[in-house]
């Protein structure tokens, strides 16, 4: 009987019955000005660009400007990155620092619509 209950609970989690989507507005308050300082001081711009536009230092790095990634996912990525990105443990970057960087990235204008770039519409 216990095994059946455990399987049912596992199935519910697998299909997302308890999944509540995280949203960018659920992020803790951050200071975008402090976030820009931390972003530059810790070298995030080497791979992700000064304006979060993305780039390729060792390999392609995603654009982060106006990120739609939920804060929890952003924080997880900083703490447990893949590829060449270094891990920013709490001793190196606090949760407040991460919230500040997130606020900075969310405040950036993000990519322009290609229809507004004249040379691409000739």
PDB file of N, CA and C in Angstrom:
ATOM      1  N   UNK A   1       0.829  -1.195   0.000  1.00  0.00           N
ATOM      2  CA  UNK A   1       0.000   0.000   0.000  1.00  0.00           C
ATOM      3  C   UNK A   1       0.871   1.255   0.000  1.00  0.00           C
ATOM      4  N   UNK A   2       1.931   1.274   0.774  1.00  0.00           N
ATOM      5  CA  UNK A   2       2.815   2.429   0.849  1.00  0.00           C
ATOM      6  C   UNK A   2       3.509   2.667  -0.485  1.00  0.00           C
ATOM      7  N   UNK A   3       3.878   1.584  -1.136  1.00  0.00           N
ATOM      8  CA  UNK A   3       4.538   1.708  -2.430  1.00  0.00           C
ATOM      9  C   UNK A   3       3.615   2.359  -3.453  1.00  0.00           C
ATOM     10  N   UNK A   4       2.346   2.040  -3.424  1.00  0.00           N
ATOM     11  CA  UNK A   4       1.372   2.618  -4.353  1.00  0.00           C
ATOM     12  C   UNK A   4       1.237   4.116  -4.100  1.00  0.00           C
ATOM     13  N   UNK A   5       1.202   4.509  -2.834  1.00  0.00           N
ATOM     14  CA  UNK A   5       1.098   5.929  -2.494  1.00  0.00           C
ATOM     15  C   UNK A   5       2.339   6.677  -2.971  1.00  0.00           C
ATOM     16  N   UNK A   6       3.519   6.106  -2.742  1.00  0.00           N
ATOM     17  CA  UNK A   6       4.752   6.735  -3.177  1.00  0.00           C
ATOM     18  C   UNK A   6       4.805   6.882  -4.695  1.00  0.00           C
ATOM     19  N   UNK A   7       4.358   5.855  -5.406  1.00  0.00           N
ATOM     20  CA  UNK A   7       4.323   5.929  -6.863  1.00  0.00           C
ATOM     21  C   UNK A   7       3.344   6.995  -7.344  1.00  0.00           C
ATOM     22  N   UNK A   8       2.220   7.120  -6.669  1.00  0.00           N
ATOM     23  CA  UNK A   8       1.232   8.140  -7.042  1.00  0.00           C
ATOM     24  C   UNK A   8       1.790   9.542  -6.818  1.00  0.00           C
ATOM     25  N   UNK A   9       2.449   9.754  -5.694  1.00  0.00           N
ATOM     26  CA  UNK A   9       3.058  11.058  -5.408  1.00  0.00           C
ATOM     27  C   UNK A   9       4.146  11.368  -6.426  1.00  0.00           C
ATOM     28  N   UNK A  10       4.972  10.387  -6.735  1.00  0.00           N
ATOM     29  CA  UNK A  10       6.028  10.574  -7.730  1.00  0.00           C
ATOM     30  C   UNK A  10       5.432  10.923  -9.094  1.00  0.00           C
ATOM     31  N   UNK A  11       4.353  10.277  -9.460  1.00  0.00           N
ATOM     32  CA  UNK A  11       3.698  10.557 -10.737  1.00  0.00           C
ATOM     33  C   UNK A  11       3.158  11.978 -10.777  1.00  0.00           C
ATOM     34  N   UNK A  12       2.588  12.438  -9.665  1.00  0.00           N
ATOM     35  CA  UNK A  12       2.064  13.802  -9.621  1.00  0.00           C
ATOM     36  C   UNK A  12       3.181  14.826  -9.799  1.00  0.00           C
ATOM     37  N   UNK A  13       4.314  14.601  -9.145  1.00  0.00           N
ATOM     38  CA  UNK A  13       5.442  15.517  -9.313  1.00  0.00           C
ATOM     39  C   UNK A  13       5.988  15.451 -10.736  1.00  0.00           C
ATOM     40  N   UNK A  14       6.011  14.284 -11.328  1.00  0.00           N
ATOM     41  CA  UNK A  14       6.537  14.115 -12.671  1.00  0.00           C
ATOM     42  C   UNK A  14       5.691  14.863 -13.690  1.00  0.00           C
ATOM     43  N   UNK A  15       4.380  14.804 -13.558  1.00  0.00           N
ATOM     44  CA  UNK A  15       3.521  15.491 -14.524  1.00  0.00           C
ATOM     45  C   UNK A  15       3.300  16.947 -14.157  1.00  0.00           C
ATOM     46  N   UNK A  16       3.846  17.402 -13.025  1.00  0.00           N
ATOM     47  CA  UNK A  16       3.801  18.810 -12.679  1.00  0.00           C
ATOM     48  C   UNK A  16       2.541  19.250 -11.965  1.00  0.00           C
ATOM     49  N   UNK A  17       1.846  18.362 -11.313  1.00  0.00           N
ATOM     50  CA  UNK A  17       0.622  18.742 -10.624  1.00  0.00           C
ATOM     51  C   UNK A  17       0.881  19.744  -9.507  1.00  0.00           C
ATOM     52  N   UNK A  18       2.077  19.707  -8.941  1.00  0.00           N
ATOM     53  CA  UNK A  18       2.398  20.629  -7.860  1.00  0.00           C
ATOM     54  C   UNK A  18       3.337  21.733  -8.335  1.00  0.00           C
ATOM     55  N   UNK A  19       3.544  21.814  -9.633  1.00  0.00           N
ATOM     56  CA  UNK A  19       4.478  22.786 -10.190  1.00  0.00           C
ATOM     57  C   UNK A  19       3.833  24.162 -10.211  1.00  0.00           C
ATOM     58  N   UNK A  20       4.415  25.092  -9.487  1.00  0.00           N
ATOM     59  CA  UNK A  20       3.957  26.467  -9.487  1.00  0.00           C
ATOM     60  C   UNK A  20       5.043  27.269 -10.191  1.00  0.00           C
ATOM     61  N   UNK A  21       4.747  27.847 -11.329  1.00  0.00           N
ATOM     62  CA  UNK A  21       5.795  28.522 -12.086  1.00  0.00           C
ATOM     63  C   UNK A  21       6.361  29.718 -11.326  1.00  0.00           C
ATOM     64  N   UNK A  22       7.675  29.809 -11.313  1.00  0.00           N
ATOM     65  CA  UNK A  22       8.334  30.964 -10.721  1.00  0.00           C
ATOM     66  C   UNK A  22       8.357  32.072 -11.764  1.00  0.00           C
ATOM     67  N   UNK A  23       8.247  33.287 -11.315  1.00  0.00           N
ATOM     68  CA  UNK A  23       8.244  34.411 -12.230  1.00  0.00           C
ATOM     69  C   UNK A  23       9.333  35.394 -11.827  1.00  0.00           C
ATOM     70  N   UNK A  24       9.754  36.208 -12.787  1.00  0.00           N
ATOM     71  CA  UNK A  24      10.800  37.200 -12.507  1.00  0.00           C
ATOM     72  C   UNK A  24      10.355  38.146 -11.402  1.00  0.00           C
ATOM     73  N   UNK A  25       9.068  38.459 -11.324  1.00  0.00           N
ATOM     74  CA  UNK A  25       8.603  39.383 -10.298  1.00  0.00           C
ATOM     75  C   UNK A  25       8.629  38.767  -8.903  1.00  0.00           C
ATOM     76  N   UNK A  26       8.909  37.471  -8.797  1.00  0.00           N
ATOM     77  CA  UNK A  26       9.021  36.818  -7.494  1.00  0.00           C
ATOM     78  C   UNK A  26      10.429  36.946  -6.910  1.00  0.00           C
ATOM     79  N   UNK A  27      11.316  37.639  -7.601  1.00  0.00           N
ATOM     80  CA  UNK A  27      12.698  37.797  -7.144  1.00  0.00           C
ATOM     81  C   UNK A  27      12.739  38.694  -5.916  1.00  0.00           C
ATOM     82  N   UNK A  28      13.699  38.453  -5.029  1.00  0.00           N
ATOM     83  CA  UNK A  28      13.867  39.361  -3.901  1.00  0.00           C
ATOM     84  C   UNK A  28      14.280  40.735  -4.414  1.00  0.00           C
ATOM     85  N   UNK A  29      14.000  41.779  -3.647  1.00  0.00           N
ATOM     86  CA  UNK A  29      14.389  43.114  -4.119  1.00  0.00           C
ATOM     87  C   UNK A  29      15.903  43.212  -4.261  1.00  0.00           C
ATOM     88  N   UNK A  30      16.323  43.831  -5.312  1.00  0.00           N
ATOM     89  CA  UNK A  30      17.753  44.010  -5.559  1.00  0.00           C
ATOM     90  C   UNK A  30      18.037  45.443  -5.962  1.00  0.00           C
ATOM     91  N   UNK A  31      19.276  45.835  -5.864  1.00  0.00           N
ATOM     92  CA  UNK A  31      19.726  47.174  -6.218  1.00  0.00           C
ATOM     93  C   UNK A  31      20.477  47.078  -7.545  1.00  0.00           C
ATOM     94  N   UNK A  32      19.878  47.602  -8.610  1.00  0.00           N
ATOM     95  CA  UNK A  32      20.467  47.483  -9.946  1.00  0.00           C
ATOM     96  C   UNK A  32      21.826  48.173 -10.042  1.00  0.00           C
ATOM     97  N   UNK A  33      22.002  49.283  -9.350  1.00  0.00           N
ATOM     98  CA  UNK A  33      23.288  49.992  -9.389  1.00  0.00           C
ATOM     99  C   UNK A  33      24.378  49.144  -8.752  1.00  0.00           C
ATOM    100  N   UNK A  34      24.080  48.564  -7.595  1.00  0.00           N
ATOM    101  CA  UNK A  34      25.033  47.660  -6.938  1.00  0.00           C
ATOM    102  C   UNK A  34      25.251  46.425  -7.798  1.00  0.00           C
ATOM    103  N   UNK A  35      24.189  45.946  -8.444  1.00  0.00           N
ATOM    104  CA  UNK A  35      24.291  44.778  -9.313  1.00  0.00           C
ATOM    105  C   UNK A  35      25.220  45.003 -10.480  1.00  0.00           C
ATOM    106  N   UNK A  36      25.187  46.200 -11.063  1.00  0.00           N
ATOM    107  CA  UNK A  36      26.097  46.513 -12.166  1.00  0.00           C
ATOM    108  C   UNK A  36      27.539  46.491 -11.675  1.00  0.00           C
ATOM    109  N   UNK A  37      27.783  47.067 -10.502  1.00  0.00           N
ATOM    110  CA  UNK A  37      29.132  47.085  -9.939  1.00  0.00           C
ATOM    111  C   UNK A  37      29.636  45.661  -9.717  1.00  0.00           C
ATOM    112  N   UNK A  38      28.795  44.792  -9.140  1.00  0.00           N
ATOM    113  CA  UNK A  38      29.179  43.403  -8.869  1.00  0.00           C
ATOM    114  C   UNK A  38      29.381  42.635 -10.165  1.00  0.00           C
ATOM    115  N   UNK A  39      28.492  42.838 -11.122  1.00  0.00           N
ATOM    116  CA  UNK A  39      28.570  42.177 -12.435  1.00  0.00           C
ATOM    117  C   UNK A  39      29.906  42.477 -13.105  1.00  0.00           C
ATOM    118  N   UNK A  40      30.317  43.735 -13.042  1.00  0.00           N
ATOM    119  CA  UNK A  40      31.588  44.125 -13.660  1.00  0.00           C
ATOM    120  C   UNK A  40      32.778  43.661 -12.827  1.00  0.00           C
ATOM    121  N   UNK A  41      32.685  43.793 -11.510  1.00  0.00           N
ATOM    122  CA  UNK A  41      33.807  43.444 -10.627  1.00  0.00           C
ATOM    123  C   UNK A  41      34.111  41.949 -10.632  1.00  0.00           C
ATOM    124  N   UNK A  42      33.099  41.120 -10.784  1.00  0.00           N
ATOM    125  CA  UNK A  42      33.320  39.672 -10.759  1.00  0.00           C
ATOM    126  C   UNK A  42      33.614  39.100 -12.144  1.00  0.00           C
ATOM    127  N   UNK A  43      33.609  39.953 -13.163  1.00  0.00           N
ATOM    128  CA  UNK A  43      33.997  39.513 -14.502  1.00  0.00           C
ATOM    129  C   UNK A  43      32.906  38.860 -15.315  1.00  0.00           C
ATOM    130  N   UNK A  44      31.658  38.995 -14.918  1.00  0.00           N
ATOM    131  CA  UNK A  44      30.561  38.403 -15.693  1.00  0.00           C
ATOM    132  C   UNK A  44      30.564  38.918 -17.133  1.00  0.00           C
ATOM    133  N   UNK A  45      31.000  40.177 -17.287  1.00  0.00           N
ATOM    134  CA  UNK A  45      30.972  40.811 -18.604  1.00  0.00           C
ATOM    135  C   UNK A  45      31.936  40.180 -19.598  1.00  0.00           C
ATOM    136  N   UNK A  46      32.963  39.477 -19.120  1.00  0.00           N
ATOM    137  CA  UNK A  46      33.901  38.852 -20.055  1.00  0.00           C
ATOM    138  C   UNK A  46      33.178  37.915 -21.020  1.00  0.00           C
ATOM    139  N   UNK A  47      32.210  37.190 -20.509  1.00  0.00           N
ATOM    140  CA  UNK A  47      31.474  36.230 -21.351  1.00  0.00           C
ATOM    141  C   UNK A  47      30.102  36.742 -21.774  1.00  0.00           C
ATOM    142  N   UNK A  48      29.436  37.463 -20.891  1.00  0.00           N
ATOM    143  CA  UNK A  48      28.052  37.856 -21.151  1.00  0.00           C
ATOM    144  C   UNK A  48      27.918  39.281 -21.680  1.00  0.00           C
ATOM    145  N   UNK A  49      29.037  40.005 -21.837  1.00  0.00           N
ATOM    146  CA  UNK A  49      29.009  41.365 -22.375  1.00  0.00           C
ATOM    147  C   UNK A  49      28.673  42.400 -21.319  1.00  0.00           C
ATOM    148  N   UNK A  50      29.148  43.615 -21.535  1.00  0.00           N
ATOM    149  CA  UNK A  50      28.925  44.702 -20.569  1.00  0.00           C
ATOM    150  C   UNK A  50      27.449  45.047 -20.421  1.00  0.00           C
ATOM    151  N   UNK A  51      26.679  44.860 -21.466  1.00  0.00           N
ATOM    152  CA  UNK A  51      25.253  45.153 -21.418  1.00  0.00           C
ATOM    153  C   UNK A  51      24.425  43.876 -21.418  1.00  0.00           C
ATOM    154  N   UNK A  52      25.039  42.761 -21.018  1.00  0.00           N
ATOM    155  CA  UNK A  52      24.322  41.494 -20.947  1.00  0.00           C
ATOM    156  C   UNK A  52      23.913  40.950 -22.293  1.00  0.00           C
ATOM    157  N   UNK A  53      24.596  41.391 -23.359  1.00  0.00           N
ATOM    158  CA  UNK A  53      24.193  41.008 -24.713  1.00  0.00           C
ATOM    159  C   UNK A  53      24.667  39.625 -25.131  1.00  0.00           C
ATOM    160  N   UNK A  54      25.445  38.964 -24.292  1.00  0.00           N
ATOM    161  CA  UNK A  54      25.969  37.651 -24.638  1.00  0.00           C
ATOM    162  C   UNK A  54      27.279  37.789 -25.385  1.00  0.00           C
ATOM    163  N   UNK A  55      27.952  36.702 -25.579  1.00  0.00           N
ATOM    164  CA  UNK A  55      29.226  36.748 -26.270  1.00  0.00           C
ATOM    165  C   UNK A  55      29.833  35.368 -26.360  1.00  0.00           C
ATOM    166  N   UNK A  56      31.134  35.352 -26.637  1.00  0.00           N
ATOM    167  CA  UNK A  56      31.828  34.082 -26.789  1.00  0.00           C
ATOM    168  C   UNK A  56      33.273  34.250 -26.360  1.00  0.00           C
ATOM    169  N   UNK A  57      33.569  33.980 -25.121  1.00  0.00           N
ATOM    170  CA  UNK A  57      34.942  34.057 -24.619  1.00  0.00           C
ATOM    171  C   UNK A  57      35.622  32.720 -24.895  1.00  0.00           C
ATOM    172  N   UNK A  58      35.197  31.677 -24.225  1.00  0.00           N
ATOM    173  CA  UNK A  58      35.676  30.322 -24.517  1.00  0.00           C
ATOM    174  C   UNK A  58      34.698  29.581 -25.424  1.00  0.00           C
ATOM    175  N   UNK A  59      33.442  29.870 -25.262  1.00  0.00           N
ATOM    176  CA  UNK A  59      32.372  29.334 -26.099  1.00  0.00           C
ATOM    177  C   UNK A  59      31.183  30.267 -25.957  1.00  0.00           C
ATOM    178  N   UNK A  60      30.126  30.027 -26.678  1.00  0.00           N
ATOM    179  CA  UNK A  60      28.979  30.937 -26.660  1.00  0.00           C
ATOM    180  C   UNK A  60      28.400  31.073 -25.250  1.00  0.00           C
ATOM    181  N   UNK A  61      28.171  32.318 -24.846  1.00  0.00           N
ATOM    182  CA  UNK A  61      27.553  32.612 -23.551  1.00  0.00           C
ATOM    183  C   UNK A  61      26.227  33.323 -23.825  1.00  0.00           C
ATOM    184  N   UNK A  62      25.182  32.955 -23.135  1.00  0.00           N
ATOM    185  CA  UNK A  62      23.868  33.520 -23.439  1.00  0.00           C
ATOM    186  C   UNK A  62      23.743  34.999 -23.077  1.00  0.00           C
ATOM    187  N   UNK A  63      22.859  35.658 -23.794  1.00  0.00           N
ATOM    188  CA  UNK A  63      22.493  37.031 -23.450  1.00  0.00           C
ATOM    189  C   UNK A  63      21.706  36.985 -22.143  1.00  0.00           C
ATOM    190  N   UNK A  64      21.952  37.945 -21.272  1.00  0.00           N
ATOM    191  CA  UNK A  64      21.269  37.984 -19.982  1.00  0.00           C
ATOM    192  C   UNK A  64      20.413  39.229 -19.812  1.00  0.00           C
ATOM    193  N   UNK A  65      20.551  40.203 -20.710  1.00  0.00           N
ATOM    194  CA  UNK A  65      19.778  41.438 -20.604  1.00  0.00           C
ATOM    195  C   UNK A  65      18.294  41.127 -20.664  1.00  0.00           C
ATOM    196  N   UNK A  66      17.560  41.716 -19.734  1.00  0.00           N
ATOM    197  CA  UNK A  66      16.099  41.545 -19.666  1.00  0.00           C
ATOM    198  C   UNK A  66      15.724  40.071 -19.539  1.00  0.00           C
ATOM    199  N   UNK A  67      16.532  39.319 -18.796  1.00  0.00           N
ATOM    200  CA  UNK A  67      16.315  37.883 -18.674  1.00  0.00           C
ATOM    201  C   UNK A  67      14.908  37.559 -18.185  1.00  0.00           C
ATOM    202  N   UNK A  68      14.342  36.530 -18.739  1.00  0.00           N
ATOM    203  CA  UNK A  68      13.038  36.025 -18.317  1.00  0.00           C
ATOM    204  C   UNK A  68      13.197  34.824 -17.399  1.00  0.00           C
ATOM    205  N   UNK A  69      14.458  34.421 -17.165  1.00  0.00           N
ATOM    206  CA  UNK A  69      14.703  33.292 -16.278  1.00  0.00           C
ATOM    207  C   UNK A  69      14.202  33.638 -14.873  1.00  0.00           C
ATOM    208  N   UNK A  70      13.472  32.757 -14.229  1.00  0.00           N
ATOM    209  CA  UNK A  70      13.046  33.022 -12.851  1.00  0.00           C
ATOM    210  C   UNK A  70      14.264  33.183 -11.944  1.00  0.00           C
ATOM    211  N   UNK A  71      14.125  33.989 -10.907  1.00  0.00           N
ATOM    212  CA  UNK A  71      15.242  34.240 -10.009  1.00  0.00           C
ATOM    213  C   UNK A  71      15.821  32.943  -9.455  1.00  0.00           C
ATOM    214  N   UNK A  72      14.970  32.006  -9.079  1.00  0.00           N
ATOM    215  CA  UNK A  72      15.471  30.754  -8.502  1.00  0.00           C
ATOM    216  C   UNK A  72      16.357  30.001  -9.489  1.00  0.00           C
ATOM    217  N   UNK A  73      16.003  30.001 -10.760  1.00  0.00           N
ATOM    218  CA  UNK A  73      16.826  29.370 -11.784  1.00  0.00           C
ATOM    219  C   UNK A  73      18.130  30.121 -12.007  1.00  0.00           C
ATOM    220  N   UNK A  74      18.061  31.444 -11.983  1.00  0.00           N
ATOM    221  CA  UNK A  74      19.248  32.276 -12.138  1.00  0.00           C
ATOM    222  C   UNK A  74      20.230  32.019 -10.991  1.00  0.00           C
ATOM    223  N   UNK A  75      19.707  31.989  -9.784  1.00  0.00           N
ATOM    224  CA  UNK A  75      20.542  31.736  -8.604  1.00  0.00           C
ATOM    225  C   UNK A  75      21.145  30.334  -8.665  1.00  0.00           C
ATOM    226  N   UNK A  76      20.352  29.356  -9.047  1.00  0.00           N
ATOM    227  CA  UNK A  76      20.847  27.985  -9.167  1.00  0.00           C
ATOM    228  C   UNK A  76      21.980  27.915 -10.188  1.00  0.00           C
ATOM    229  N   UNK A  77      21.818  28.592 -11.326  1.00  0.00           N
ATOM    230  CA  UNK A  77      22.846  28.577 -12.369  1.00  0.00           C
ATOM    231  C   UNK A  77      24.151  29.180 -11.863  1.00  0.00           C
ATOM    232  N   UNK A  78      24.070  30.251 -11.075  1.00  0.00           N
ATOM    233  CA  UNK A  78      25.286  30.859 -10.530  1.00  0.00           C
ATOM    234  C   UNK A  78      25.971  29.942  -9.516  1.00  0.00           C
ATOM    235  N   UNK A  79      25.192  29.235  -8.746  1.00  0.00           N
ATOM    236  CA  UNK A  79      25.751  28.360  -7.718  1.00  0.00           C
ATOM    237  C   UNK A  79      26.232  27.021  -8.291  1.00  0.00           C
ATOM    238  N   UNK A  80      25.575  26.539  -9.364  1.00  0.00           N
ATOM    239  CA  UNK A  80      25.867  25.217  -9.948  1.00  0.00           C
ATOM    240  C   UNK A  80      25.959  25.296 -11.466  1.00  0.00           C
ATOM    241  N   UNK A  81      26.920  26.032 -11.991  1.00  0.00           N
ATOM    242  CA  UNK A  81      26.966  26.233 -13.439  1.00  0.00           C
ATOM    243  C   UNK A  81      27.500  25.018 -14.191  1.00  0.00           C
ATOM    244  N   UNK A  82      27.285  25.049 -15.465  1.00  0.00           N
ATOM    245  CA  UNK A  82      27.854  24.025 -16.335  1.00  0.00           C
ATOM    246  C   UNK A  82      28.889  24.664 -17.242  1.00  0.00           C
ATOM    247  N   UNK A  83      29.636  23.875 -17.933  1.00  0.00           N
ATOM    248  CA  UNK A  83      30.616  24.401 -18.874  1.00  0.00           C
ATOM    249  C   UNK A  83      31.760  25.129 -18.206  1.00  0.00           C
ATOM    250  N   UNK A  84      32.161  26.240 -18.807  1.00  0.00           N
ATOM    251  CA  UNK A  84      33.317  26.998 -18.338  1.00  0.00           C
ATOM    252  C   UNK A  84      32.999  27.997 -17.235  1.00  0.00           C
ATOM    253  N   UNK A  85      31.742  28.219 -16.954  1.00  0.00           N
ATOM    254  CA  UNK A  85      31.370  29.223 -15.960  1.00  0.00           C
ATOM    255  C   UNK A  85      31.793  28.775 -14.562  1.00  0.00           C
ATOM    256  N   UNK A  86      32.419  29.688 -13.806  1.00  0.00           N
ATOM    257  CA  UNK A  86      32.807  29.315 -12.442  1.00  0.00           C
ATOM    258  C   UNK A  86      31.600  29.300 -11.509  1.00  0.00           C
ATOM    259  N   UNK A  87      31.676  28.519 -10.459  1.00  0.00           N
ATOM    260  CA  UNK A  87      30.611  28.471  -9.451  1.00  0.00           C
ATOM    261  C   UNK A  87      30.819  29.630  -8.482  1.00  0.00           C
ATOM    262  N   UNK A  88      29.759  30.349  -8.202  1.00  0.00           N
ATOM    263  CA  UNK A  88      29.807  31.449  -7.250  1.00  0.00           C
ATOM    264  C   UNK A  88      29.146  30.995  -5.954  1.00  0.00           C
ATOM    265  N   UNK A  89      29.959  30.407  -5.084  1.00  0.00           N
ATOM    266  CA  UNK A  89      29.463  29.930  -3.795  1.00  0.00           C
ATOM    267  C   UNK A  89      29.162  31.128  -2.910  1.00  0.00           C
ATOM    268  N   UNK A  90      28.428  30.891  -1.835  1.00  0.00           N
ATOM    269  CA  UNK A  90      27.990  31.965  -0.951  1.00  0.00           C
ATOM    270  C   UNK A  90      29.159  32.771  -0.393  1.00  0.00           C
ATOM    271  N   UNK A  91      30.307  32.140  -0.191  1.00  0.00           N
ATOM    272  CA  UNK A  91      31.478  32.858   0.341  1.00  0.00           C
ATOM    273  C   UNK A  91      32.017  33.870  -0.675  1.00  0.00           C
ATOM    274  N   UNK A  92      31.734  33.658  -1.958  1.00  0.00           N
ATOM    275  CA  UNK A  92      32.209  34.548  -3.012  1.00  0.00           C
ATOM    276  C   UNK A  92      31.144  35.559  -3.402  1.00  0.00           C
ATOM    277  N   UNK A  93      29.892  35.097  -3.493  1.00  0.00           N
ATOM    278  CA  UNK A  93      28.780  35.947  -3.906  1.00  0.00           C
ATOM    279  C   UNK A  93      27.554  35.608  -3.058  1.00  0.00           C
ATOM    280  N   UNK A  94      27.111  36.556  -2.272  1.00  0.00           N
ATOM    281  CA  UNK A  94      25.977  36.321  -1.375  1.00  0.00           C
ATOM    282  C   UNK A  94      24.662  36.292  -2.159  1.00  0.00           C
ATOM    283  N   UNK A  95      23.617  35.826  -1.520  1.00  0.00           N
ATOM    284  CA  UNK A  95      22.297  35.839  -2.146  1.00  0.00           C
ATOM    285  C   UNK A  95      21.879  37.273  -2.475  1.00  0.00           C
ATOM    286  N   UNK A  96      22.256  38.224  -1.626  1.00  0.00           N
ATOM    287  CA  UNK A  96      21.952  39.643  -1.886  1.00  0.00           C
ATOM    288  C   UNK A  96      22.684  40.117  -3.135  1.00  0.00           C
ATOM    289  N   UNK A  97      23.952  39.717  -3.290  1.00  0.00           N
ATOM    290  CA  UNK A  97      24.702  40.065  -4.500  1.00  0.00           C
ATOM    291  C   UNK A  97      24.004  39.521  -5.749  1.00  0.00           C
ATOM    292  N   UNK A  98      23.533  38.293  -5.669  1.00  0.00           N
ATOM    293  CA  UNK A  98      22.842  37.673  -6.805  1.00  0.00           C
ATOM    294  C   UNK A  98      21.548  38.433  -7.109  1.00  0.00           C
ATOM    295  N   UNK A  99      20.810  38.821  -6.065  1.00  0.00           N
ATOM    296  CA  UNK A  99      19.583  39.598  -6.273  1.00  0.00           C
ATOM    297  C   UNK A  99      19.900  40.947  -6.916  1.00  0.00           C
ATOM    298  N   UNK A 100      21.018  41.558  -6.536  1.00  0.00           N
ATOM    299  CA  UNK A 100      21.415  42.836  -7.129  1.00  0.00           C
ATOM    300  C   UNK A 100      21.778  42.660  -8.604  1.00  0.00           C
ATOM    301  N   UNK A 101      22.539  41.627  -8.928  1.00  0.00           N
ATOM    302  CA  UNK A 101      22.898  41.368 -10.331  1.00  0.00           C
ATOM    303  C   UNK A 101      21.636  41.096 -11.144  1.00  0.00           C
ATOM    304  N   UNK A 102      20.735  40.320 -10.575  1.00  0.00           N
ATOM    305  CA  UNK A 102      19.478  40.002 -11.263  1.00  0.00           C
ATOM    306  C   UNK A 102      18.689  41.289 -11.543  1.00  0.00           C
ATOM    307  N   UNK A 103      18.643  42.191 -10.561  1.00  0.00           N
ATOM    308  CA  UNK A 103      17.950  43.472 -10.744  1.00  0.00           C
ATOM    309  C   UNK A 103      18.609  44.282 -11.860  1.00  0.00           C
ATOM    310  N   UNK A 104      19.944  44.286 -11.897  1.00  0.00           N
ATOM    311  CA  UNK A 104      20.672  44.985 -12.957  1.00  0.00           C
ATOM    312  C   UNK A 104      20.317  44.406 -14.327  1.00  0.00           C
ATOM    313  N   UNK A 105      20.364  43.093 -14.452  1.00  0.00           N
ATOM    314  CA  UNK A 105      20.084  42.458 -15.737  1.00  0.00           C
ATOM    315  C   UNK A 105      18.648  42.683 -16.179  1.00  0.00           C
ATOM    316  N   UNK A 106      17.727  42.648 -15.239  1.00  0.00           N
ATOM    317  CA  UNK A 106      16.313  42.876 -15.569  1.00  0.00           C
ATOM    318  C   UNK A 106      16.074  44.327 -15.996  1.00  0.00           C
ATOM    319  N   UNK A 107      16.923  45.260 -15.515  1.00  0.00           N
ATOM    320  CA  UNK A 107      16.769  46.679 -15.843  1.00  0.00           C
ATOM    321  C   UNK A 107      17.341  47.031 -17.219  1.00  0.00           C
ATOM    322  N   UNK A 108      18.159  46.159 -17.779  1.00  0.00           N
ATOM    323  CA  UNK A 108      18.756  46.428 -19.085  1.00  0.00           C
ATOM    324  C   UNK A 108      17.683  46.396 -20.174  1.00  0.00           C
ATOM    325  N   UNK A 109      17.898  47.121 -21.277  1.00  0.00           N
ATOM    326  CA  UNK A 109      16.869  47.196 -22.309  1.00  0.00           C
ATOM    327  C   UNK A 109      16.618  45.911 -23.072  1.00  0.00           C
ATOM    328  N   UNK A 110      17.564  45.020 -23.137  1.00  0.00           N
ATOM    329  CA  UNK A 110      17.360  43.777 -23.879  1.00  0.00           C
ATOM    330  C   UNK A 110      17.542  43.988 -25.365  1.00  0.00           C
ATOM    331  N   UNK A 111      17.361  42.936 -26.155  1.00  0.00           N
ATOM    332  CA  UNK A 111      17.604  43.033 -27.597  1.00  0.00           C
ATOM    333  C   UNK A 111      16.569  43.928 -28.280  1.00  0.00           C
ATOM    334  N   UNK A 112      17.026  44.616 -29.322  1.00  0.00           N
ATOM    335  CA  UNK A 112      16.129  45.471 -30.105  1.00  0.00           C
ATOM    336  C   UNK A 112      15.368  44.623 -31.114  1.00  0.00           C
ATOM    337  N   UNK A 113      14.217  45.085 -31.479  1.00  0.00           N
ATOM    338  CA  UNK A 113      13.430  44.440 -32.529  1.00  0.00           C
ATOM    339  C   UNK A 113      14.135  44.694 -33.853  1.00  0.00           C
ATOM    340  N   UNK A 114      14.379  43.665 -34.627  1.00  0.00           N
ATOM    341  CA  UNK A 114      15.111  43.816 -35.904  1.00  0.00           C
ATOM    342  C   UNK A 114      14.375  44.734 -36.868  1.00  0.00           C
ATOM    343  N   UNK A 115      13.094  44.871 -36.737  1.00  0.00           N
ATOM    344  CA  UNK A 115      12.336  45.770 -37.626  1.00  0.00           C
ATOM    345  C   UNK A 115      12.698  47.226 -37.402  1.00  0.00           C
ATOM    346  N   UNK A 116      13.268  47.525 -36.222  1.00  0.00           N
ATOM    347  CA  UNK A 116      13.677  48.898 -35.927  1.00  0.00           C
ATOM    348  C   UNK A 116      15.097  49.207 -36.342  1.00  0.00           C
ATOM    349  N   UNK A 117      15.799  48.251 -36.959  1.00  0.00           N
ATOM    350  CA  UNK A 117      17.171  48.456 -37.408  1.00  0.00           C
ATOM    351  C   UNK A 117      17.125  48.619 -38.926  1.00  0.00           C
ATOM    352  N   UNK A 118      17.309  49.852 -39.383  1.00  0.00           N
ATOM    353  CA  UNK A 118      17.087  50.203 -40.790  1.00  0.00           C
ATOM    354  C   UNK A 118      17.899  49.344 -41.759  1.00  0.00           C
ATOM    355  N   UNK A 119      19.156  49.125 -41.474  1.00  0.00           N
ATOM    356  CA  UNK A 119      20.010  48.393 -42.429  1.00  0.00           C
ATOM    357  C   UNK A 119      19.533  46.943 -42.632  1.00  0.00           C
ATOM    358  N   UNK A 120      18.836  46.405 -41.672  1.00  0.00           N
ATOM    359  CA  UNK A 120      18.332  45.033 -41.805  1.00  0.00           C
ATOM    360  C   UNK A 120      17.012  44.969 -42.568  1.00  0.00           C
ATOM    361  N   UNK A 121      16.452  46.108 -42.860  1.00  0.00           N
ATOM    362  CA  UNK A 121      15.151  46.142 -43.533  1.00  0.00           C
ATOM    363  C   UNK A 121      15.225  46.669 -44.961  1.00  0.00           C
ATOM    364  N   UNK A 122      16.437  46.729 -45.527  1.00  0.00           N
ATOM    365  CA  UNK A 122      16.580  47.208 -46.919  1.00  0.00           C
ATOM    366  C   UNK A 122      16.258  46.126 -47.905  1.00  0.00           C
TER     367      UNK A 122
END
